[in-house]
């Protein structure tokens, strides 16, 4: 897990105090020690209406008394909640999809769904998505995002490589079946540089192999944090025909063993 420091207020709203504790325990497993917990939906809304930003996350149960999850999402939309939303429920996927649709209609930033009970791996996927969205939002707000990048002089290293993990979901049951590691670069001023800004340049100036070595080295380190999870990585076609590059990857895998 990276960039957890970007997250501000994490709030869970669920009328079941035992499941609230379950949520807090799951966040504890990924390095976030405390979250706001509200068994009363109205109290949760009262807290959230004080202010919010994209750095916030709220987890909302769909089945609650007095104010159910659907109504809760509508209230969040009316108060122009700026944080990111995770929908939680024991309902079937169609109900979850309806909740997501309503949330989007109210301009809420939906991260995704978690069914009861959820795994730490599923939570990690959504939190990674949240931090990636925060970083992307920061980059969009920076008009110099492209101007600061020089493909000839940019340092390609573990410090400047910024991997983003994107969940891969099976359409039939909506279960997470793996992750794709998306490549980003991060300049020392925090600017995020996207693949369409650097891949073709590295291919043209001969630095793509240098980049791919860092890509695999960092990706293998991140994969080590997961157990029994499939990953996919995009690779330049120019390296697929290189026996030397295959040997480099083989060496990295042996070092991990």
C-alpha atoms as a PDB file:
ATOM      1  CA  UNK A   1       0.000   0.000   0.000  1.00  0.00           C
ATOM      2  CA  UNK A   2       1.298   3.433  -0.975  1.00  0.00           C
ATOM      3  CA  UNK A   3       0.187   7.044  -0.535  1.00  0.00           C
ATOM      4  CA  UNK A   4      -2.133   6.292   2.372  1.00  0.00           C
ATOM      5  CA  UNK A   5      -1.108   9.686   3.728  1.00  0.00           C
ATOM      6  CA  UNK A   6      -3.249  11.226   0.974  1.00  0.00           C
ATOM      7  CA  UNK A   7      -6.410  10.010   2.693  1.00  0.00           C
ATOM      8  CA  UNK A   8      -8.046  12.321   5.204  1.00  0.00           C
ATOM      9  CA  UNK A   9     -11.351  11.308   6.783  1.00  0.00           C
ATOM     10  CA  UNK A  10     -12.570   7.734   6.381  1.00  0.00           C
ATOM     11  CA  UNK A  11     -16.119   7.212   7.623  1.00  0.00           C
ATOM     12  CA  UNK A  12     -18.185   4.033   7.893  1.00  0.00           C
ATOM     13  CA  UNK A  13     -21.985   4.175   8.282  1.00  0.00           C
ATOM     14  CA  UNK A  14     -23.703   0.899   9.209  1.00  0.00           C
ATOM     15  CA  UNK A  15     -26.384   0.160  11.804  1.00  0.00           C
ATOM     16  CA  UNK A  16     -24.538  -3.044  12.845  1.00  0.00           C
ATOM     17  CA  UNK A  17     -21.850  -2.176  15.454  1.00  0.00           C
ATOM     18  CA  UNK A  18     -20.180  -5.556  14.943  1.00  0.00           C
ATOM     19  CA  UNK A  19     -19.746  -4.907  11.230  1.00  0.00           C
ATOM     20  CA  UNK A  20     -18.447  -1.414  11.972  1.00  0.00           C
ATOM     21  CA  UNK A  21     -15.745  -3.068  14.050  1.00  0.00           C
ATOM     22  CA  UNK A  22     -15.091  -5.504  11.189  1.00  0.00           C
ATOM     23  CA  UNK A  23     -14.581  -2.548   8.833  1.00  0.00           C
ATOM     24  CA  UNK A  24     -12.203  -0.848  11.247  1.00  0.00           C
ATOM     25  CA  UNK A  25     -10.218  -4.091  11.652  1.00  0.00           C
ATOM     26  CA  UNK A  26      -9.887  -4.443   7.869  1.00  0.00           C
ATOM     27  CA  UNK A  27      -8.584  -0.895   7.557  1.00  0.00           C
ATOM     28  CA  UNK A  28      -6.187  -1.632  10.398  1.00  0.00           C
ATOM     29  CA  UNK A  29      -4.785  -4.542   8.402  1.00  0.00           C
ATOM     30  CA  UNK A  30      -3.799  -2.198   5.580  1.00  0.00           C
ATOM     31  CA  UNK A  31      -2.231   0.405   7.856  1.00  0.00           C
ATOM     32  CA  UNK A  32      -5.100   2.791   8.626  1.00  0.00           C
ATOM     33  CA  UNK A  33      -5.579   2.662  12.360  1.00  0.00           C
ATOM     34  CA  UNK A  34      -8.789   4.576  13.000  1.00  0.00           C
ATOM     35  CA  UNK A  35     -11.910   5.510  11.073  1.00  0.00           C
ATOM     36  CA  UNK A  36     -15.092   7.353  11.936  1.00  0.00           C
ATOM     37  CA  UNK A  37     -17.931   4.960  12.815  1.00  0.00           C
ATOM     38  CA  UNK A  38     -21.634   5.800  12.832  1.00  0.00           C
ATOM     39  CA  UNK A  39     -24.369   3.300  13.620  1.00  0.00           C
ATOM     40  CA  UNK A  40     -26.933   6.087  13.214  1.00  0.00           C
ATOM     41  CA  UNK A  41     -27.242   7.247   9.576  1.00  0.00           C
ATOM     42  CA  UNK A  42     -28.443  10.713  10.570  1.00  0.00           C
ATOM     43  CA  UNK A  43     -25.436  11.255  12.812  1.00  0.00           C
ATOM     44  CA  UNK A  44     -23.213  10.135   9.966  1.00  0.00           C
ATOM     45  CA  UNK A  45     -24.839  12.650   7.626  1.00  0.00           C
ATOM     46  CA  UNK A  46     -24.545  15.414  10.221  1.00  0.00           C
ATOM     47  CA  UNK A  47     -20.821  14.730  10.456  1.00  0.00           C
ATOM     48  CA  UNK A  48     -20.246  14.502   6.712  1.00  0.00           C
ATOM     49  CA  UNK A  49     -22.112  17.721   5.940  1.00  0.00           C
ATOM     50  CA  UNK A  50     -19.467  19.706   7.860  1.00  0.00           C
ATOM     51  CA  UNK A  51     -17.190  19.576   4.839  1.00  0.00           C
ATOM     52  CA  UNK A  52     -15.456  17.125   2.524  1.00  0.00           C
ATOM     53  CA  UNK A  53     -12.784  16.724  -0.144  1.00  0.00           C
ATOM     54  CA  UNK A  54     -11.726  14.102  -2.675  1.00  0.00           C
ATOM     55  CA  UNK A  55      -9.273  12.851  -0.026  1.00  0.00           C
ATOM     56  CA  UNK A  56     -12.194  11.516   2.055  1.00  0.00           C
ATOM     57  CA  UNK A  57     -13.874   8.109   1.813  1.00  0.00           C
ATOM     58  CA  UNK A  58     -17.282   7.079   3.117  1.00  0.00           C
ATOM     59  CA  UNK A  59     -18.469   3.459   3.299  1.00  0.00           C
ATOM     60  CA  UNK A  60     -22.272   3.167   3.269  1.00  0.00           C
ATOM     61  CA  UNK A  61     -24.398   0.126   4.087  1.00  0.00           C
ATOM     62  CA  UNK A  62     -27.518  -0.126   1.926  1.00  0.00           C
ATOM     63  CA  UNK A  63     -29.758  -1.757   4.520  1.00  0.00           C
ATOM     64  CA  UNK A  64     -30.267   0.617   7.441  1.00  0.00           C
ATOM     65  CA  UNK A  65     -33.344   1.661   9.453  1.00  0.00           C
ATOM     66  CA  UNK A  66     -35.021   5.068   9.056  1.00  0.00           C
ATOM     67  CA  UNK A  67     -32.553   6.199   6.378  1.00  0.00           C
ATOM     68  CA  UNK A  68     -31.619   3.353   4.044  1.00  0.00           C
ATOM     69  CA  UNK A  69     -28.489   3.383   1.933  1.00  0.00           C
ATOM     70  CA  UNK A  70     -30.229   4.627  -1.206  1.00  0.00           C
ATOM     71  CA  UNK A  71     -31.700   7.610   0.634  1.00  0.00           C
ATOM     72  CA  UNK A  72     -28.345   8.179   2.321  1.00  0.00           C
ATOM     73  CA  UNK A  73     -26.637   8.445  -1.065  1.00  0.00           C
ATOM     74  CA  UNK A  74     -29.258  10.923  -2.248  1.00  0.00           C
ATOM     75  CA  UNK A  75     -28.641  13.070   0.849  1.00  0.00           C
ATOM     76  CA  UNK A  76     -24.889  12.942   0.170  1.00  0.00           C
ATOM     77  CA  UNK A  77     -25.529  14.139  -3.358  1.00  0.00           C
ATOM     78  CA  UNK A  78     -27.776  16.971  -2.166  1.00  0.00           C
ATOM     79  CA  UNK A  79     -25.068  18.170   0.249  1.00  0.00           C
ATOM     80  CA  UNK A  80     -22.514  17.967  -2.597  1.00  0.00           C
ATOM     81  CA  UNK A  81     -20.268  15.496  -0.818  1.00  0.00           C
ATOM     82  CA  UNK A  82     -16.832  15.690  -2.473  1.00  0.00           C
ATOM     83  CA  UNK A  83     -15.346  12.481  -1.076  1.00  0.00           C
ATOM     84  CA  UNK A  84     -15.284   9.021  -2.616  1.00  0.00           C
ATOM     85  CA  UNK A  85     -17.983   6.447  -1.892  1.00  0.00           C
ATOM     86  CA  UNK A  86     -17.853   2.693  -1.275  1.00  0.00           C
ATOM     87  CA  UNK A  87     -21.208   0.901  -1.229  1.00  0.00           C
ATOM     88  CA  UNK A  88     -21.486  -2.075   1.143  1.00  0.00           C
ATOM     89  CA  UNK A  89     -24.270  -4.625   1.340  1.00  0.00           C
ATOM     90  CA  UNK A  90     -25.295  -8.234   1.627  1.00  0.00           C
ATOM     91  CA  UNK A  91     -27.756  -7.675  -1.226  1.00  0.00           C
ATOM     92  CA  UNK A  92     -27.354  -9.261  -4.637  1.00  0.00           C
ATOM     93  CA  UNK A  93     -25.292  -7.456  -7.241  1.00  0.00           C
ATOM     94  CA  UNK A  94     -28.293  -5.946  -9.085  1.00  0.00           C
ATOM     95  CA  UNK A  95     -29.234  -3.939  -6.005  1.00  0.00           C
ATOM     96  CA  UNK A  96     -25.651  -2.784  -5.631  1.00  0.00           C
ATOM     97  CA  UNK A  97     -25.609  -1.738  -9.274  1.00  0.00           C
ATOM     98  CA  UNK A  98     -28.787   0.280  -8.742  1.00  0.00           C
ATOM     99  CA  UNK A  99     -27.189   2.037  -5.762  1.00  0.00           C
ATOM    100  CA  UNK A 100     -24.123   2.871  -7.828  1.00  0.00           C
ATOM    101  CA  UNK A 101     -26.316   4.228 -10.609  1.00  0.00           C
ATOM    102  CA  UNK A 102     -28.222   6.496  -8.206  1.00  0.00           C
ATOM    103  CA  UNK A 103     -24.970   7.713  -6.676  1.00  0.00           C
ATOM    104  CA  UNK A 104     -23.570   8.624 -10.092  1.00  0.00           C
ATOM    105  CA  UNK A 105     -26.796  10.463 -10.956  1.00  0.00           C
ATOM    106  CA  UNK A 106     -26.128  12.612  -7.883  1.00  0.00           C
ATOM    107  CA  UNK A 107     -22.527  13.316  -8.972  1.00  0.00           C
ATOM    108  CA  UNK A 108     -20.968  11.181  -6.269  1.00  0.00           C
ATOM    109  CA  UNK A 109     -17.530   9.671  -6.892  1.00  0.00           C
ATOM    110  CA  UNK A 110     -18.133   5.933  -6.618  1.00  0.00           C
ATOM    111  CA  UNK A 111     -15.081   3.772  -5.898  1.00  0.00           C
ATOM    112  CA  UNK A 112     -16.963   0.479  -6.116  1.00  0.00           C
ATOM    113  CA  UNK A 113     -18.809  -2.190  -4.167  1.00  0.00           C
ATOM    114  CA  UNK A 114     -18.001  -4.428  -1.238  1.00  0.00           C
ATOM    115  CA  UNK A 115     -20.276  -7.302  -0.304  1.00  0.00           C
ATOM    116  CA  UNK A 116     -20.576  -8.603   3.246  1.00  0.00           C
ATOM    117  CA  UNK A 117     -18.156  -9.905   4.328  1.00  0.00           C
ATOM    118  CA  UNK A 118     -15.334  -8.520   2.186  1.00  0.00           C
ATOM    119  CA  UNK A 119     -11.674  -9.474   2.070  1.00  0.00           C
ATOM    120  CA  UNK A 120      -8.627  -7.354   2.786  1.00  0.00           C
ATOM    121  CA  UNK A 121      -7.552  -7.815  -0.834  1.00  0.00           C
ATOM    122  CA  UNK A 122     -10.840  -6.338  -2.083  1.00  0.00           C
ATOM    123  CA  UNK A 123     -10.438  -3.355   0.252  1.00  0.00           C
ATOM    124  CA  UNK A 124      -6.850  -2.811  -0.890  1.00  0.00           C
ATOM    125  CA  UNK A 125      -8.010  -2.642  -4.504  1.00  0.00           C
ATOM    126  CA  UNK A 126     -10.527   0.110  -3.746  1.00  0.00           C
ATOM    127  CA  UNK A 127      -8.158   2.098  -1.521  1.00  0.00           C
ATOM    128  CA  UNK A 128      -5.485   1.958  -4.225  1.00  0.00           C
ATOM    129  CA  UNK A 129      -8.103   3.219  -6.660  1.00  0.00           C
ATOM    130  CA  UNK A 130      -8.931   6.070  -4.259  1.00  0.00           C
ATOM    131  CA  UNK A 131      -5.333   7.228  -3.898  1.00  0.00           C
ATOM    132  CA  UNK A 132      -4.797   6.949  -7.661  1.00  0.00           C
ATOM    133  CA  UNK A 133      -7.849   9.154  -8.238  1.00  0.00           C
ATOM    134  CA  UNK A 134      -6.501  11.718  -5.761  1.00  0.00           C
ATOM    135  CA  UNK A 135      -3.138  11.781  -7.529  1.00  0.00           C
ATOM    136  CA  UNK A 136      -4.844  12.072 -10.917  1.00  0.00           C
ATOM    137  CA  UNK A 137      -6.981  14.937  -9.680  1.00  0.00           C
ATOM    138  CA  UNK A 138      -3.856  16.677  -8.443  1.00  0.00           C
ATOM    139  CA  UNK A 139      -2.188  16.242 -11.822  1.00  0.00           C
ATOM    140  CA  UNK A 140      -5.222  17.576 -13.708  1.00  0.00           C
ATOM    141  CA  UNK A 141      -5.108  20.691 -11.554  1.00  0.00           C
ATOM    142  CA  UNK A 142      -1.489  21.291 -12.543  1.00  0.00           C
ATOM    143  CA  UNK A 143      -1.239  23.040 -15.969  1.00  0.00           C
ATOM    144  CA  UNK A 144       2.482  22.178 -16.142  1.00  0.00           C
ATOM    145  CA  UNK A 145       1.887  18.425 -16.048  1.00  0.00           C
ATOM    146  CA  UNK A 146       3.306  17.905 -19.524  1.00  0.00           C
ATOM    147  CA  UNK A 147       5.751  20.792 -19.624  1.00  0.00           C
ATOM    148  CA  UNK A 148       7.876  19.524 -16.707  1.00  0.00           C
ATOM    149  CA  UNK A 149       8.616  16.194 -18.405  1.00  0.00           C
ATOM    150  CA  UNK A 150      11.759  15.737 -20.501  1.00  0.00           C
ATOM    151  CA  UNK A 151      12.098  12.178 -21.824  1.00  0.00           C
ATOM    152  CA  UNK A 152      15.850  12.606 -22.376  1.00  0.00           C
ATOM    153  CA  UNK A 153      16.827  13.698 -18.876  1.00  0.00           C
ATOM    154  CA  UNK A 154      14.027  12.332 -16.650  1.00  0.00           C
ATOM    155  CA  UNK A 155      15.378   9.994 -13.957  1.00  0.00           C
ATOM    156  CA  UNK A 156      13.805   6.548 -14.306  1.00  0.00           C
ATOM    157  CA  UNK A 157      14.007   4.917 -10.884  1.00  0.00           C
ATOM    158  CA  UNK A 158      11.984   3.344  -8.095  1.00  0.00           C
ATOM    159  CA  UNK A 159      11.566   6.817  -6.642  1.00  0.00           C
ATOM    160  CA  UNK A 160       9.982   8.230  -9.806  1.00  0.00           C
ATOM    161  CA  UNK A 161       7.976   5.176 -10.879  1.00  0.00           C
ATOM    162  CA  UNK A 162       4.379   5.313  -9.595  1.00  0.00           C
ATOM    163  CA  UNK A 163       2.428   2.049 -10.087  1.00  0.00           C
ATOM    164  CA  UNK A 164      -1.360   2.114  -9.862  1.00  0.00           C
ATOM    165  CA  UNK A 165      -3.233  -1.123  -9.155  1.00  0.00           C
ATOM    166  CA  UNK A 166      -6.540  -1.480 -11.002  1.00  0.00           C
ATOM    167  CA  UNK A 167      -8.898  -4.337 -10.058  1.00  0.00           C
ATOM    168  CA  UNK A 168      -9.976  -6.776 -12.789  1.00  0.00           C
ATOM    169  CA  UNK A 169     -13.585  -7.833 -12.244  1.00  0.00           C
ATOM    170  CA  UNK A 170     -15.381 -10.900 -13.611  1.00  0.00           C
ATOM    171  CA  UNK A 171     -18.544  -9.606 -15.268  1.00  0.00           C
ATOM    172  CA  UNK A 172     -20.663 -12.631 -14.313  1.00  0.00           C
ATOM    173  CA  UNK A 173     -20.361 -12.331 -10.530  1.00  0.00           C
ATOM    174  CA  UNK A 174     -18.457  -9.028 -10.135  1.00  0.00           C
ATOM    175  CA  UNK A 175     -15.743 -10.694  -8.071  1.00  0.00           C
ATOM    176  CA  UNK A 176     -12.225  -9.290  -8.242  1.00  0.00           C
ATOM    177  CA  UNK A 177     -10.182 -11.917 -10.109  1.00  0.00           C
ATOM    178  CA  UNK A 178      -6.892 -10.072 -10.367  1.00  0.00           C
ATOM    179  CA  UNK A 179      -5.212  -6.726 -10.841  1.00  0.00           C
ATOM    180  CA  UNK A 180      -3.529  -4.800 -13.613  1.00  0.00           C
ATOM    181  CA  UNK A 181      -0.522  -2.678 -12.740  1.00  0.00           C
ATOM    182  CA  UNK A 182      -0.774   0.635 -14.579  1.00  0.00           C
ATOM    183  CA  UNK A 183       2.386   2.625 -15.199  1.00  0.00           C
ATOM    184  CA  UNK A 184       2.769   6.215 -14.102  1.00  0.00           C
ATOM    185  CA  UNK A 185       5.802   8.394 -13.451  1.00  0.00           C
ATOM    186  CA  UNK A 186       5.989  10.918 -10.640  1.00  0.00           C
ATOM    187  CA  UNK A 187       8.286  13.924 -10.800  1.00  0.00           C
ATOM    188  CA  UNK A 188       9.925  15.154  -7.623  1.00  0.00           C
ATOM    189  CA  UNK A 189       7.440  18.033  -7.403  1.00  0.00           C
ATOM    190  CA  UNK A 190       4.596  15.499  -7.209  1.00  0.00           C
ATOM    191  CA  UNK A 191       3.338  15.850 -10.795  1.00  0.00           C
ATOM    192  CA  UNK A 192       1.919  12.603 -12.218  1.00  0.00           C
ATOM    193  CA  UNK A 193       3.029  11.785 -15.775  1.00  0.00           C
ATOM    194  CA  UNK A 194       0.806   9.437 -17.775  1.00  0.00           C
ATOM    195  CA  UNK A 195       1.784   6.696 -20.297  1.00  0.00           C
ATOM    196  CA  UNK A 196       0.580   8.680 -23.304  1.00  0.00           C
ATOM    197  CA  UNK A 197       3.148  11.322 -22.331  1.00  0.00           C
ATOM    198  CA  UNK A 198       6.212   9.088 -22.055  1.00  0.00           C
ATOM    199  CA  UNK A 199       5.878   5.557 -23.548  1.00  0.00           C
ATOM    200  CA  UNK A 200       6.233   6.575 -27.201  1.00  0.00           C
ATOM    201  CA  UNK A 201       9.076   8.938 -26.320  1.00  0.00           C
ATOM    202  CA  UNK A 202      10.991   6.221 -24.468  1.00  0.00           C
ATOM    203  CA  UNK A 203      10.433   3.861 -27.392  1.00  0.00           C
ATOM    204  CA  UNK A 204      11.837   6.460 -29.778  1.00  0.00           C
ATOM    205  CA  UNK A 205      14.861   7.488 -27.719  1.00  0.00           C
ATOM    206  CA  UNK A 206      15.843   3.944 -26.691  1.00  0.00           C
ATOM    207  CA  UNK A 207      15.006   4.255 -22.975  1.00  0.00           C
ATOM    208  CA  UNK A 208      12.037   1.883 -23.030  1.00  0.00           C
ATOM    209  CA  UNK A 209      14.122  -1.092 -21.858  1.00  0.00           C
ATOM    210  CA  UNK A 210      15.460   1.007 -18.985  1.00  0.00           C
ATOM    211  CA  UNK A 211      11.892   1.924 -18.074  1.00  0.00           C
ATOM    212  CA  UNK A 212      10.596  -1.645 -18.311  1.00  0.00           C
ATOM    213  CA  UNK A 213      13.296  -2.935 -15.963  1.00  0.00           C
ATOM    214  CA  UNK A 214      12.113  -0.476 -13.301  1.00  0.00           C
ATOM    215  CA  UNK A 215       8.499  -1.330 -14.128  1.00  0.00           C
ATOM    216  CA  UNK A 216       9.023  -5.027 -13.445  1.00  0.00           C
ATOM    217  CA  UNK A 217      11.278  -4.499 -10.434  1.00  0.00           C
ATOM    218  CA  UNK A 218       8.719  -2.247  -8.698  1.00  0.00           C
ATOM    219  CA  UNK A 219       5.770  -4.377  -9.797  1.00  0.00           C
ATOM    220  CA  UNK A 220       7.301  -7.563  -8.397  1.00  0.00           C
ATOM    221  CA  UNK A 221       7.817  -5.816  -5.062  1.00  0.00           C
ATOM    222  CA  UNK A 222       4.163  -4.752  -5.019  1.00  0.00           C
ATOM    223  CA  UNK A 223       2.989  -8.250  -5.987  1.00  0.00           C
ATOM    224  CA  UNK A 224       4.806  -9.634  -2.957  1.00  0.00           C
ATOM    225  CA  UNK A 225       2.224  -7.881  -0.749  1.00  0.00           C
ATOM    226  CA  UNK A 226      -0.539 -10.104  -2.165  1.00  0.00           C
ATOM    227  CA  UNK A 227      -1.145 -13.836  -1.914  1.00  0.00           C
ATOM    228  CA  UNK A 228      -2.649 -16.021  -4.657  1.00  0.00           C
ATOM    229  CA  UNK A 229      -3.562 -13.018  -6.818  1.00  0.00           C
ATOM    230  CA  UNK A 230      -3.122 -12.754 -10.596  1.00  0.00           C
ATOM    231  CA  UNK A 231      -1.445  -9.643 -12.004  1.00  0.00           C
ATOM    232  CA  UNK A 232      -1.022  -8.316 -15.519  1.00  0.00           C
ATOM    233  CA  UNK A 233       1.524  -5.774 -16.739  1.00  0.00           C
ATOM    234  CA  UNK A 234       1.668  -3.941 -20.048  1.00  0.00           C
ATOM    235  CA  UNK A 235       4.961  -4.359 -21.893  1.00  0.00           C
ATOM    236  CA  UNK A 236       6.412  -2.577 -24.910  1.00  0.00           C
ATOM    237  CA  UNK A 237       6.429  -4.693 -28.071  1.00  0.00           C
ATOM    238  CA  UNK A 238      10.036  -3.630 -28.642  1.00  0.00           C
ATOM    239  CA  UNK A 239      11.153  -5.674 -25.640  1.00  0.00           C
ATOM    240  CA  UNK A 240       9.151  -8.814 -26.406  1.00  0.00           C
ATOM    241  CA  UNK A 241      11.659  -9.863 -29.077  1.00  0.00           C
ATOM    242  CA  UNK A 242      14.695  -9.180 -26.885  1.00  0.00           C
ATOM    243  CA  UNK A 243      16.334 -12.270 -25.362  1.00  0.00           C
ATOM    244  CA  UNK A 244      18.398  -9.980 -23.162  1.00  0.00           C
ATOM    245  CA  UNK A 245      15.271  -8.494 -21.626  1.00  0.00           C
ATOM    246  CA  UNK A 246      13.822 -11.958 -20.979  1.00  0.00           C
ATOM    247  CA  UNK A 247      16.999 -12.817 -19.091  1.00  0.00           C
ATOM    248  CA  UNK A 248      16.669  -9.610 -17.049  1.00  0.00           C
ATOM    249  CA  UNK A 249      13.125 -10.553 -16.007  1.00  0.00           C
ATOM    250  CA  UNK A 250      14.256 -14.081 -15.183  1.00  0.00           C
ATOM    251  CA  UNK A 251      16.952 -12.610 -12.947  1.00  0.00           C
ATOM    252  CA  UNK A 252      14.450 -10.406 -11.109  1.00  0.00           C
ATOM    253  CA  UNK A 253      12.178 -13.404 -10.476  1.00  0.00           C
ATOM    254  CA  UNK A 254      15.084 -15.448  -9.119  1.00  0.00           C
ATOM    255  CA  UNK A 255      15.992 -12.617  -6.750  1.00  0.00           C
ATOM    256  CA  UNK A 256      12.438 -12.678  -5.376  1.00  0.00           C
ATOM    257  CA  UNK A 257      12.568 -16.423  -4.661  1.00  0.00           C
END
